[in-house]
Amino acid sequence: MIRPILRLLAIVAAISALASPAEGKTLVFCSEGNPETLNPQLAVTGTAMDAAHPIFNNLVQYRLGTTEIVPSLAESWTVSEDGRDYVFKLRRGVRFHSNALFTPTREFDARDVIFSLMRQWKSDHPYHATEGGGFAYFQDMGMADLLESVEAPDPYTVHIRLTRAEAPFLADLAMPFNSILSAEYADTLLATGRKELFDTQPIGTGPFMFASYRENVTIRYRVFPDYWRGRQPVDTLVFSITPTAAARLTKLKAGECHISAYPAPEDTAEIRADPRLELHRSEGVNIGYLAMNTTRPPFDDARVRRAINLAVDKATILSAVYPGTGVAATNPMPPTLWGYNRGIEPYPYDPEAARQLFTQAGITGGLTVDLWYPLVDRPYTPNGKRVAEMLQTDLGKLGIKLELKTDEWTAYRDRMQRGDFTLAIYGWAADIGDPDNFLHTLLGCLAARIGGNNIARWCDKDYNALVTEAKTTANRKRRIDLYDKAQEIFHREAPWVPIAHSIFMVATRKEVRGFQIDPLGYHVVENVDVAEDAKAR
């Protein structure tokens, strides 16, 4: 489903005649892989969200470098006492991009907000069906059941009524899937029979306009001179797609890129020692884990899953793969986030106890099992292949023969969401600074569907009731109590082996100005400049 979209992106970019300017200042970001889409409503990876971010804005956003919610396309908002009614006052004077297919005749208003939500919500909406998969985030966040109505009392006011109170709702609106798209652009394409271009030739209100995409090579953007926050200091933005950390570092040192995603932990000393480079670090709000497909025997038995937890030597993995850049994980959320249950003791490394559990579960012979690992570097798993090899050694002591398998990132992600694996190395970097983004989004029953983010397909009714209730109360103490109990169930039922929480790192050249590391793990390039003597091109 994804490949045709990527091919169409390249074709449409070619006919759009949006060539980058021959002169002017260019900022080059060495990204780690191909985005599965450039429409944030369809994005399911940080790679795609990074790629979409320069093009779009949301009603609200995080203040750069923080998890504080601040106004964006909405200048202000009010919330009813019962937490069900949100009224947003929209910013005036915001313009949309244009391209060879579309020139806007009006500015941003309430119609665009309603379109952007209704398109994801209503199955009979003319833009609901897509070639790029469903609206995974919208579904996994429970938005379809949460929204009761979305109305516009006037062109610059939007009233959203919820079916229940939702504590993280404003934070949810700051997530990429709730970016605001152009309703007029959608109408124009529909009227001319070119609806399929809506998700491949993106139009937004952000600081940069989409120019072109070449799979495995580059994404190019042009500065949007009418950006409502003011023109950017660079004329062209380039995402140079560079899958390996070693190649990204080589490009960074050569001046072929200014900013580099996900430097390898073993390269941090070299980066620090180079006077031309700078290493930015932040405590990562993330987790890397081994998922067990709980719908496949024998991993439908909690005793087997607990045995796997006991058989994994996390200390050795941390030393080999995360040297000085990670901490061992115990719970399915990082200890940097409020609501973390510090009373839960981690599973010790105890192969003998693991073998005893296997015997109790009736497994006396060997097992042959597929283990999938990602090829691309992720903040939560900087070297998936090495982790897989170490797991192969650990689980071999239980008589489990692991067949290591992988695929390119887009296909890998698609496989995870289909549940087409037995064991898989995966992870998550937070979208919002709220436990809900881990405990409900990754492990709730709603997300255990095909296409959802609960790739272990684990659905525990007691656990689900706790994390669902926690969403509906604004009382943080009550939410913490609920999350404590939920984490205890997770620990007992063990659908994952939580492996590590990593430090989020970004490497830049010294001539980069204004870059701030994002605590949620995105690579934000808005307002970033480069000195005139920069070599990257």
Protein backbone atom coordinates (compact mmCIF):
# COMPACT_ATOMS: atom_id res chain seq x y z
CA MET A 1 0.00 0.00 0.00
CA ILE A 2 2.87 2.39 0.76
CA ARG A 3 5.06 1.86 -2.32
CA PRO A 4 2.57 3.25 -4.90
CA ILE A 5 2.32 6.42 -2.83
CA LEU A 6 6.07 6.89 -2.83
CA ARG A 7 6.24 6.38 -6.59
CA LEU A 8 3.40 8.84 -7.08
CA LEU A 9 5.23 11.37 -4.92
CA ALA A 10 8.20 11.26 -7.25
CA ILE A 11 6.03 11.57 -10.38
CA VAL A 12 3.97 14.43 -9.01
CA ALA A 13 7.06 16.25 -7.78
CA ALA A 14 8.51 16.06 -11.27
CA ILE A 15 5.44 17.60 -12.92
CA SER A 16 4.97 20.25 -10.25
CA ALA A 17 7.89 22.34 -11.56
CA LEU A 18 8.76 23.30 -8.01
CA ALA A 19 12.48 23.27 -8.59
CA SER A 20 14.64 24.55 -5.76
CA PRO A 21 16.22 27.94 -6.27
CA ALA A 22 19.64 27.94 -7.86
CA GLU A 23 20.92 30.48 -5.33
CA GLY A 24 20.25 31.26 -1.71
CA LYS A 25 20.97 29.75 1.65
CA THR A 26 20.35 26.01 2.11
CA LEU A 27 19.94 23.98 5.29
CA VAL A 28 20.62 20.24 4.93
CA PHE A 29 19.35 17.67 7.43
CA CYS A 30 20.70 14.13 7.16
CA SER A 31 17.61 12.05 7.92
CA GLU A 32 17.64 8.34 8.63
CA GLY A 33 15.16 6.91 6.14
CA ASN A 34 12.34 7.29 3.65
CA PRO A 35 9.06 8.66 4.99
CA GLU A 36 6.06 6.44 4.37
CA THR A 37 4.06 9.60 3.60
CA LEU A 38 4.31 13.38 3.73
CA ASN A 39 0.78 13.76 5.09
CA PRO A 40 0.98 13.82 8.90
CA GLN A 41 -2.53 12.38 9.18
CA LEU A 42 -1.22 9.15 7.67
CA ALA A 43 2.23 9.18 9.27
CA VAL A 44 3.05 6.42 11.73
CA THR A 45 6.82 6.89 12.11
CA GLY A 46 8.97 9.69 13.44
CA THR A 47 10.71 9.68 10.05
CA ALA A 48 7.50 10.74 8.30
CA MET A 49 6.49 13.16 11.05
CA ASP A 50 9.86 14.91 10.77
CA ALA A 51 9.39 15.14 7.01
CA ALA A 52 5.88 16.61 7.33
CA HIS A 53 6.66 19.03 10.13
CA PRO A 54 8.10 21.85 7.97
CA ILE A 55 4.91 21.94 5.88
CA PHE A 56 2.15 22.04 8.50
CA ASN A 57 0.86 23.70 11.68
CA ASN A 58 -1.61 22.59 14.37
CA LEU A 59 -4.18 24.47 16.42
CA VAL A 60 -1.79 24.24 19.37
CA GLN A 61 1.82 23.17 19.63
CA TYR A 62 4.63 22.57 22.09
CA ARG A 63 6.86 25.51 22.87
CA LEU A 64 10.13 24.66 21.13
CA GLY A 65 12.39 22.65 23.40
CA THR A 66 9.64 21.98 25.97
CA THR A 67 6.40 20.03 26.48
CA GLU A 68 4.43 23.21 27.28
CA ILE A 69 1.29 23.67 25.15
CA VAL A 70 1.14 27.10 23.50
CA PRO A 71 -1.07 28.69 20.80
CA SER A 72 -0.44 28.10 17.12
CA LEU A 73 -3.25 28.37 14.53
CA ALA A 74 -5.58 28.86 17.49
CA GLU A 75 -4.79 32.09 19.31
CA SER A 76 -6.69 31.07 22.44
CA TRP A 77 -9.16 28.53 23.81
CA THR A 78 -11.53 27.87 26.67
CA VAL A 79 -12.50 24.59 28.29
CA SER A 80 -15.84 23.93 30.01
CA GLU A 81 -15.94 22.97 33.67
CA ASP A 82 -16.89 19.37 32.84
CA GLY A 83 -13.97 19.07 30.39
CA ARG A 84 -16.16 18.26 27.39
CA ASP A 85 -16.35 21.54 25.48
CA TYR A 86 -13.35 23.23 23.85
CA VAL A 87 -13.83 26.54 22.04
CA PHE A 88 -10.90 27.75 19.92
CA LYS A 89 -10.46 31.27 18.59
CA LEU A 90 -8.54 31.03 15.33
CA ARG A 91 -5.67 33.17 14.13
CA ARG A 92 -6.46 35.54 11.27
CA GLY A 93 -4.23 36.31 8.33
CA VAL A 94 -2.75 32.81 7.94
CA ARG A 95 -2.07 31.82 4.34
CA PHE A 96 -1.78 28.40 2.73
CA HIS A 97 0.93 27.35 0.30
CA SER A 98 0.34 27.12 -3.44
CA ASN A 99 1.70 24.75 -6.07
CA ALA A 100 1.28 24.03 -9.78
CA LEU A 101 -2.11 22.48 -9.05
CA PHE A 102 -3.54 24.99 -6.60
CA THR A 103 -3.54 28.68 -5.74
CA PRO A 104 -5.56 29.50 -2.61
CA THR A 105 -8.27 32.15 -2.87
CA ARG A 106 -8.80 32.53 0.87
CA GLU A 107 -6.92 32.43 4.16
CA PHE A 108 -7.07 29.72 6.81
CA ASP A 109 -10.35 29.55 8.74
CA ALA A 110 -12.68 27.17 10.59
CA ARG A 111 -13.51 25.21 7.44
CA ASP A 112 -9.97 23.85 7.37
CA VAL A 113 -10.11 22.69 10.99
CA ILE A 114 -13.43 20.95 10.44
CA PHE A 115 -12.17 19.29 7.24
CA SER A 116 -8.99 18.05 8.93
CA LEU A 117 -10.91 16.36 11.75
CA MET A 118 -13.94 15.14 9.82
CA ARG A 119 -11.81 13.55 7.12
CA GLN A 120 -10.26 11.23 9.71
CA TRP A 121 -13.45 10.74 11.70
CA LYS A 122 -16.26 10.05 9.24
CA SER A 123 -16.12 7.01 6.96
CA ASP A 124 -18.48 8.65 4.45
CA HIS A 125 -16.25 11.71 4.05
CA PRO A 126 -15.03 12.01 0.42
CA TYR A 127 -11.41 12.06 1.61
CA HIS A 128 -11.65 9.31 4.23
CA ALA A 129 -10.53 6.47 1.96
CA THR A 130 -6.81 6.65 1.13
CA GLU A 131 -4.19 4.60 -0.64
CA GLY A 132 -1.74 5.14 2.20
CA GLY A 133 -3.52 3.11 4.87
CA GLY A 134 -5.92 4.26 7.53
CA PHE A 135 -5.63 7.03 10.07
CA ALA A 136 -3.78 4.87 12.60
CA TYR A 137 -3.06 7.58 15.16
CA PHE A 138 -6.58 8.96 15.04
CA GLN A 139 -7.94 5.48 15.74
CA ASP A 140 -5.36 4.43 18.34
CA MET A 141 -5.82 7.64 20.31
CA GLY A 142 -9.54 6.89 20.51
CA MET A 143 -10.50 10.08 18.68
CA ALA A 144 -13.33 8.43 16.77
CA ASP A 145 -15.13 7.63 20.02
CA LEU A 146 -14.03 10.81 21.78
CA LEU A 147 -15.48 13.37 19.37
CA GLU A 148 -19.17 14.17 19.66
CA SER A 149 -19.31 17.20 17.37
CA VAL A 150 -17.09 19.70 15.58
CA GLU A 151 -18.80 22.96 14.65
CA ALA A 152 -17.98 26.51 13.55
CA PRO A 153 -20.16 29.19 15.21
CA ASP A 154 -18.36 31.68 12.95
CA PRO A 155 -15.45 31.55 10.46
CA TYR A 156 -12.83 32.06 13.19
CA THR A 157 -14.29 29.97 16.00
CA VAL A 158 -14.31 26.19 16.33
CA HIS A 159 -16.32 24.39 19.00
CA ILE A 160 -15.28 20.79 19.70
CA ARG A 161 -17.54 18.80 22.01
CA LEU A 162 -16.29 15.53 23.45
CA THR A 163 -18.27 12.49 24.52
CA ARG A 164 -16.31 12.48 27.79
CA ALA A 165 -13.61 14.44 29.53
CA GLU A 166 -10.16 13.67 28.11
CA ALA A 167 -7.21 14.82 30.18
CA PRO A 168 -4.60 14.83 27.38
CA PHE A 169 -6.88 16.29 24.68
CA LEU A 170 -4.95 19.54 24.13
CA ALA A 171 -1.72 17.57 23.94
CA ASP A 172 -3.39 15.24 21.42
CA LEU A 173 -4.24 18.26 19.25
CA ALA A 174 -0.53 19.14 19.16
CA MET A 175 0.35 15.75 17.66
CA PRO A 176 1.23 15.52 13.95
CA PHE A 177 -1.94 13.63 12.99
CA ASN A 178 -3.96 16.68 14.03
CA SER A 179 -2.16 19.02 11.63
CA ILE A 180 -4.44 21.38 9.72
CA LEU A 181 -4.87 20.77 5.99
CA SER A 182 -6.51 22.95 3.36
CA ALA A 183 -10.19 22.25 2.70
CA GLU A 184 -10.07 24.47 -0.38
CA TYR A 185 -7.20 22.43 -1.84
CA ALA A 186 -9.18 19.25 -1.23
CA ASP A 187 -12.23 20.74 -2.97
CA THR A 188 -10.13 21.87 -5.93
CA LEU A 189 -8.62 18.41 -6.47
CA LEU A 190 -11.99 16.72 -6.05
CA ALA A 191 -13.59 19.00 -8.63
CA THR A 192 -10.84 18.27 -11.17
CA GLY A 193 -10.75 14.52 -10.60
CA ARG A 194 -7.30 14.52 -8.98
CA LYS A 195 -8.23 13.62 -5.41
CA GLU A 196 -5.39 11.08 -5.15
CA LEU A 197 -2.82 13.92 -5.22
CA PHE A 198 -4.02 15.38 -1.92
CA ASP A 199 -1.78 13.13 0.20
CA THR A 200 1.20 13.11 -2.16
CA GLN A 201 1.48 16.81 -3.06
CA PRO A 202 1.01 18.38 0.38
CA ILE A 203 -0.25 21.90 1.04
CA GLY A 204 -0.03 23.44 4.50
CA THR A 205 0.54 26.69 6.37
CA GLY A 206 4.03 25.85 7.66
CA PRO A 207 7.38 27.60 7.17
CA PHE A 208 8.38 25.55 4.10
CA MET A 209 6.59 24.38 0.94
CA PHE A 210 7.08 20.89 -0.48
CA ALA A 211 9.21 20.92 -3.63
CA SER A 212 10.25 17.39 -4.57
CA TYR A 213 10.92 13.89 -3.30
CA ARG A 214 13.33 11.24 -4.58
CA GLU A 215 13.10 7.97 -2.72
CA ASN A 216 16.37 7.02 -0.99
CA VAL A 217 17.88 10.37 -2.01
CA THR A 218 16.26 13.63 -0.88
CA ILE A 219 13.19 15.58 0.10
CA ARG A 220 13.42 19.23 -0.93
CA TYR A 221 11.44 22.18 0.41
CA ARG A 222 11.25 25.86 -0.56
CA VAL A 223 10.85 28.64 1.96
CA PHE A 224 7.28 29.98 2.27
CA PRO A 225 7.71 33.77 2.14
CA ASP A 226 4.23 34.44 3.55
CA TYR A 227 4.58 32.26 6.64
CA TRP A 228 2.50 33.78 9.43
CA ARG A 229 5.39 33.69 11.91
CA GLY A 230 7.74 35.35 9.44
CA ARG A 231 10.07 34.21 6.68
CA GLN A 232 12.66 31.58 7.56
CA PRO A 233 16.37 32.50 7.51
CA VAL A 234 17.14 29.89 4.81
CA ASP A 235 15.77 29.65 1.29
CA THR A 236 15.91 25.89 0.78
CA LEU A 237 15.58 22.95 3.15
CA VAL A 238 16.89 19.54 2.12
CA PHE A 239 16.38 16.20 3.85
CA SER A 240 19.31 14.06 2.67
CA ILE A 241 18.13 10.47 3.20
CA THR A 242 21.07 8.59 4.74
CA PRO A 243 20.15 5.30 6.44
CA THR A 244 23.38 4.51 8.34
CA ALA A 245 24.84 6.47 11.25
CA ALA A 246 28.36 6.07 9.84
CA ALA A 247 27.37 7.63 6.52
CA ARG A 248 25.55 10.47 8.28
CA LEU A 249 28.64 11.25 10.36
CA THR A 250 30.83 11.21 7.26
CA LYS A 251 28.51 13.69 5.54
CA LEU A 252 28.35 15.90 8.62
CA LYS A 253 32.15 16.04 8.95
CA ALA A 254 32.51 16.78 5.22
CA GLY A 255 30.02 19.65 5.44
CA GLU A 256 27.48 17.86 3.23
CA CYS A 257 24.81 18.24 5.90
CA HIS A 258 24.36 20.65 8.80
CA ILE A 259 22.24 18.50 11.13
CA SER A 260 22.37 14.73 11.54
CA ALA A 261 19.76 12.42 13.03
CA TYR A 262 20.57 9.68 15.54
CA PRO A 263 24.37 9.60 15.88
CA ALA A 264 25.60 6.17 16.95
CA PRO A 265 26.47 5.91 20.67
CA GLU A 266 29.96 4.71 19.79
CA ASP A 267 30.54 7.89 17.75
CA THR A 268 29.73 10.40 20.51
CA ALA A 269 33.35 10.78 21.68
CA GLU A 270 34.49 11.44 18.11
CA ILE A 271 31.77 14.07 17.62
CA ARG A 272 32.65 15.83 20.87
CA ALA A 273 36.33 15.87 19.93
CA ASP A 274 35.74 17.48 16.52
CA PRO A 275 35.84 21.30 16.83
CA ARG A 276 33.61 21.60 13.76
CA LEU A 277 30.76 19.66 15.35
CA GLU A 278 28.40 19.86 18.31
CA LEU A 279 26.50 17.08 20.10
CA HIS A 280 23.06 17.91 21.52
CA ARG A 281 21.65 15.55 24.18
CA SER A 282 18.32 15.23 25.99
CA GLU A 283 16.84 12.62 28.28
CA GLY A 284 14.79 10.54 25.89
CA VAL A 285 11.07 10.08 26.44
CA ASN A 286 11.18 6.71 24.69
CA ILE A 287 11.48 2.96 25.05
CA GLY A 288 13.04 0.13 23.06
CA TYR A 289 11.47 -3.28 23.60
CA LEU A 290 11.11 -6.85 22.40
CA ALA A 291 7.45 -7.47 21.50
CA MET A 292 5.95 -10.94 21.70
CA ASN A 293 2.97 -11.62 19.48
CA THR A 294 0.53 -12.78 22.14
CA THR A 295 -1.82 -14.27 19.56
CA ARG A 296 0.77 -16.90 18.56
CA PRO A 297 1.42 -19.97 20.76
CA PRO A 298 3.34 -20.41 22.98
CA PHE A 299 3.53 -16.64 23.53
CA ASP A 300 -0.16 -16.55 24.39
CA ASP A 301 0.97 -18.02 27.76
CA ALA A 302 2.15 -15.42 30.30
CA ARG A 303 4.54 -17.97 31.83
CA VAL A 304 6.41 -18.19 28.54
CA ARG A 305 6.53 -14.41 28.25
CA ARG A 306 7.86 -14.07 31.80
CA ALA A 307 10.49 -16.70 30.98
CA ILE A 308 11.65 -14.64 28.02
CA ASN A 309 11.99 -11.62 30.32
CA LEU A 310 14.14 -13.65 32.71
CA ALA A 311 16.33 -14.94 29.88
CA VAL A 312 17.37 -11.55 28.46
CA ASP A 313 20.67 -10.14 29.72
CA LYS A 314 19.81 -6.44 29.58
CA ALA A 315 23.02 -5.31 31.26
CA THR A 316 25.13 -6.79 28.47
CA ILE A 317 22.85 -5.29 25.79
CA LEU A 318 23.10 -1.87 27.43
CA SER A 319 26.89 -2.09 27.58
CA ALA A 320 27.26 -3.20 23.96
CA VAL A 321 24.55 -1.15 22.20
CA TYR A 322 23.90 1.87 24.46
CA PRO A 323 27.33 2.69 25.93
CA GLY A 324 26.71 5.71 28.14
CA THR A 325 23.54 6.59 26.25
CA GLY A 326 20.79 4.48 27.81
CA VAL A 327 19.32 2.95 30.95
CA ALA A 328 17.69 -0.44 31.40
CA ALA A 329 13.90 -0.42 31.11
CA THR A 330 11.51 -2.02 33.60
CA ASN A 331 8.11 -0.54 32.76
CA PRO A 332 6.51 0.27 29.39
CA MET A 333 7.16 4.01 29.88
CA PRO A 334 10.30 5.98 30.76
CA PRO A 335 11.15 7.01 34.34
CA THR A 336 11.47 10.63 33.16
CA LEU A 337 7.68 10.79 32.75
CA TRP A 338 5.27 11.42 35.61
CA GLY A 339 3.19 8.40 36.57
CA TYR A 340 6.12 5.97 36.41
CA ASN A 341 5.74 3.17 38.97
CA ARG A 342 9.07 3.02 40.79
CA GLY A 343 7.90 0.25 43.08
CA ILE A 344 8.08 -2.44 40.39
CA GLU A 345 11.22 -4.57 40.51
CA PRO A 346 12.75 -5.48 37.15
CA TYR A 347 12.97 -9.09 36.06
CA PRO A 348 16.46 -10.31 36.98
CA TYR A 349 18.67 -12.09 34.50
CA ASP A 350 17.98 -15.69 35.59
CA PRO A 351 18.15 -18.33 32.83
CA GLU A 352 17.52 -21.17 35.31
CA ALA A 353 14.26 -19.60 36.52
CA ALA A 354 13.32 -19.08 32.87
CA ARG A 355 13.85 -22.78 32.13
CA GLN A 356 11.63 -23.71 35.08
CA LEU A 357 8.83 -21.53 33.73
CA PHE A 358 9.19 -23.16 30.33
CA THR A 359 8.78 -26.57 31.97
CA GLN A 360 5.70 -25.36 33.87
CA ALA A 361 4.25 -24.18 30.56
CA GLY A 362 4.80 -27.65 29.07
CA ILE A 363 7.63 -26.66 26.74
CA THR A 364 10.24 -29.36 26.96
CA GLY A 365 11.57 -29.42 23.41
CA GLY A 366 13.24 -26.72 21.36
CA LEU A 367 11.45 -23.90 19.57
CA THR A 368 12.27 -22.24 16.27
CA VAL A 369 10.97 -18.67 16.17
CA ASP A 370 11.31 -15.69 13.85
CA LEU A 371 12.82 -12.53 15.34
CA TRP A 372 12.52 -9.32 13.33
CA TYR A 373 14.83 -6.36 13.81
CA PRO A 374 14.86 -2.88 12.20
CA LEU A 375 17.57 -1.88 9.75
CA VAL A 376 17.31 1.86 10.39
CA ASP A 377 18.70 3.55 13.47
CA ARG A 378 16.04 4.62 15.92
CA PRO A 379 16.61 6.65 19.11
CA TYR A 380 15.33 3.75 21.20
CA THR A 381 17.30 1.08 19.26
CA PRO A 382 20.49 2.47 17.72
CA ASN A 383 21.61 -0.94 16.40
CA GLY A 384 18.74 -3.36 15.92
CA LYS A 385 20.85 -6.07 14.33
CA ARG A 386 23.27 -6.17 17.26
CA VAL A 387 20.40 -6.39 19.75
CA ALA A 388 18.89 -9.24 17.70
CA GLU A 389 22.18 -11.13 17.71
CA MET A 390 22.47 -10.78 21.47
CA LEU A 391 18.89 -11.95 21.97
CA GLN A 392 19.70 -14.89 19.73
CA THR A 393 22.45 -15.87 22.16
CA ASP A 394 20.35 -15.31 25.30
CA LEU A 395 17.27 -17.21 24.12
CA GLY A 396 19.40 -19.96 22.65
CA LYS A 397 20.16 -20.94 26.25
CA LEU A 398 16.46 -21.82 26.60
CA GLY A 399 16.54 -23.98 23.48
CA ILE A 400 14.95 -21.28 21.33
CA LYS A 401 16.44 -21.00 17.88
CA LEU A 402 15.87 -17.51 16.56
CA GLU A 403 15.71 -16.94 12.82
CA LEU A 404 16.75 -13.32 12.32
CA LYS A 405 14.78 -11.38 9.73
CA THR A 406 14.49 -7.76 8.64
CA ASP A 407 13.18 -5.45 5.94
CA GLU A 408 13.47 -1.83 4.86
CA TRP A 409 11.85 0.55 7.32
CA THR A 410 8.50 1.21 5.66
CA ALA A 411 7.86 -2.49 5.03
CA TYR A 412 9.08 -3.32 8.53
CA ARG A 413 6.68 -0.87 10.13
CA ASP A 414 3.83 -2.22 8.02
CA ARG A 415 4.63 -5.78 9.11
CA MET A 416 4.62 -4.77 12.77
CA GLN A 417 1.19 -3.20 12.48
CA ARG A 418 -0.17 -6.25 10.67
CA GLY A 419 1.12 -8.50 13.45
CA ASP A 420 3.00 -10.58 10.89
CA PHE A 421 5.80 -11.74 13.20
CA THR A 422 6.39 -13.81 16.33
CA LEU A 423 9.09 -11.77 18.06
CA ALA A 424 10.15 -8.27 17.04
CA ILE A 425 12.43 -5.49 18.21
CA TYR A 426 10.56 -2.23 18.23
CA GLY A 427 10.13 0.95 20.20
CA TRP A 428 8.41 4.25 20.73
CA ALA A 429 9.36 7.89 21.16
CA ALA A 430 6.68 9.95 22.89
CA ASP A 431 4.37 12.21 20.95
CA ILE A 432 3.21 14.03 24.08
CA GLY A 433 4.48 14.35 27.64
CA ASP A 434 1.71 12.19 29.08
CA PRO A 435 1.71 8.52 30.23
CA ASP A 436 -1.37 7.93 28.06
CA ASN A 437 0.89 8.07 25.01
CA PHE A 438 2.64 4.90 26.18
CA LEU A 439 0.20 3.00 28.35
CA HIS A 440 -2.94 3.43 26.24
CA THR A 441 -1.55 4.09 22.76
CA LEU A 442 0.84 1.12 22.80
CA LEU A 443 -0.97 -1.39 25.01
CA GLY A 444 -4.67 -0.56 25.08
CA CYS A 445 -7.18 -2.93 23.50
CA LEU A 446 -8.22 -0.37 20.90
CA ALA A 447 -4.66 -0.28 19.55
CA ALA A 448 -4.45 -4.10 19.37
CA ARG A 449 -6.32 -4.03 16.05
CA ILE A 450 -4.59 -4.77 12.75
CA GLY A 451 -2.94 -1.49 11.83
CA GLY A 452 -2.71 -0.38 15.45
CA ASN A 453 0.31 0.47 17.57
CA ASN A 454 -0.23 -2.37 20.05
CA ILE A 455 1.89 -4.71 17.97
CA ALA A 456 1.98 -7.42 20.67
CA ARG A 457 -1.81 -7.74 20.13
CA TRP A 458 -2.17 -7.92 23.90
CA CYS A 459 -5.61 -7.03 25.23
CA ASP A 460 -6.11 -7.33 28.98
CA LYS A 461 -9.54 -6.10 30.06
CA ASP A 462 -8.45 -5.07 33.56
CA TYR A 463 -5.44 -3.20 32.23
CA ASN A 464 -7.53 -1.56 29.53
CA ALA A 465 -10.16 -0.39 32.02
CA LEU A 466 -7.47 1.30 34.12
CA VAL A 467 -5.76 3.20 31.30
CA THR A 468 -9.10 4.15 29.76
CA GLU A 469 -10.38 5.58 33.05
CA ALA A 470 -7.11 7.47 33.48
CA LYS A 471 -7.80 9.33 30.26
CA THR A 472 -11.08 10.70 31.54
CA THR A 473 -10.02 12.41 34.75
CA ALA A 474 -8.02 15.60 35.15
CA ASN A 475 -7.02 14.66 38.71
CA ARG A 476 -3.35 13.77 38.42
CA LYS A 477 -3.19 11.88 41.73
CA ARG A 478 -6.05 9.65 40.61
CA ARG A 479 -4.41 9.15 37.23
CA ILE A 480 -1.14 8.14 38.90
CA ASP A 481 -2.96 5.56 41.05
CA LEU A 482 -4.57 4.07 37.96
CA TYR A 483 -1.31 4.01 36.03
CA ASP A 484 0.49 2.36 38.96
CA LYS A 485 -1.98 -0.53 38.88
CA ALA A 486 -1.81 -0.77 35.09
CA GLN A 487 1.97 -1.07 35.15
CA GLU A 488 1.70 -3.85 37.73
CA ILE A 489 -0.56 -5.81 35.36
CA PHE A 490 1.82 -5.20 32.49
CA HIS A 491 4.72 -6.50 34.58
CA ARG A 492 2.81 -9.64 35.54
CA GLU A 493 1.49 -10.42 32.05
CA ALA A 494 4.73 -9.39 30.30
CA PRO A 495 3.71 -8.86 26.64
CA TRP A 496 7.09 -7.18 26.07
CA VAL A 497 10.62 -7.36 27.29
CA PRO A 498 11.29 -3.68 28.02
CA ILE A 499 14.95 -3.22 27.05
CA ALA A 500 16.13 0.38 27.28
CA HIS A 501 15.39 4.08 27.42
CA SER A 502 17.94 5.98 25.36
CA ILE A 503 19.37 9.46 25.46
CA PHE A 504 18.08 11.41 22.45
CA MET A 505 21.01 12.89 20.52
CA VAL A 506 21.41 15.12 17.49
CA ALA A 507 24.72 16.15 15.91
CA THR A 508 25.15 19.51 14.18
CA ARG A 509 27.89 21.55 12.63
CA LYS A 510 29.14 24.57 14.58
CA GLU A 511 27.84 27.00 11.97
CA VAL A 512 24.25 26.00 12.74
CA ARG A 513 22.36 28.73 14.58
CA GLY A 514 19.11 28.45 16.56
CA PHE A 515 18.78 24.66 16.72
CA GLN A 516 17.10 23.30 19.86
CA ILE A 517 16.81 19.63 20.68
CA ASP A 518 13.22 18.49 21.05
CA PRO A 519 12.39 16.52 24.23
CA LEU A 520 9.91 14.36 22.31
CA GLY A 521 12.54 13.25 19.81
CA TYR A 522 11.53 15.18 16.69
CA HIS A 523 14.02 17.05 14.52
CA VAL A 524 12.57 20.57 14.35
CA VAL A 525 14.24 22.88 11.84
CA GLU A 526 11.99 25.93 12.08
CA ASN A 527 14.00 29.14 12.63
CA VAL A 528 17.31 27.31 12.17
CA ASP A 529 20.01 29.24 10.31
CA VAL A 530 23.52 28.52 9.05
CA ALA A 531 26.49 30.87 8.93
CA GLU A 532 27.36 32.25 5.53
CA ASP A 533 30.55 30.20 5.32
CA ALA A 534 28.64 26.88 5.61
CA LYS A 535 29.85 24.26 3.14
CA ALA A 536 26.75 22.05 2.97
CA ARG A 537 24.78 22.18 -0.26
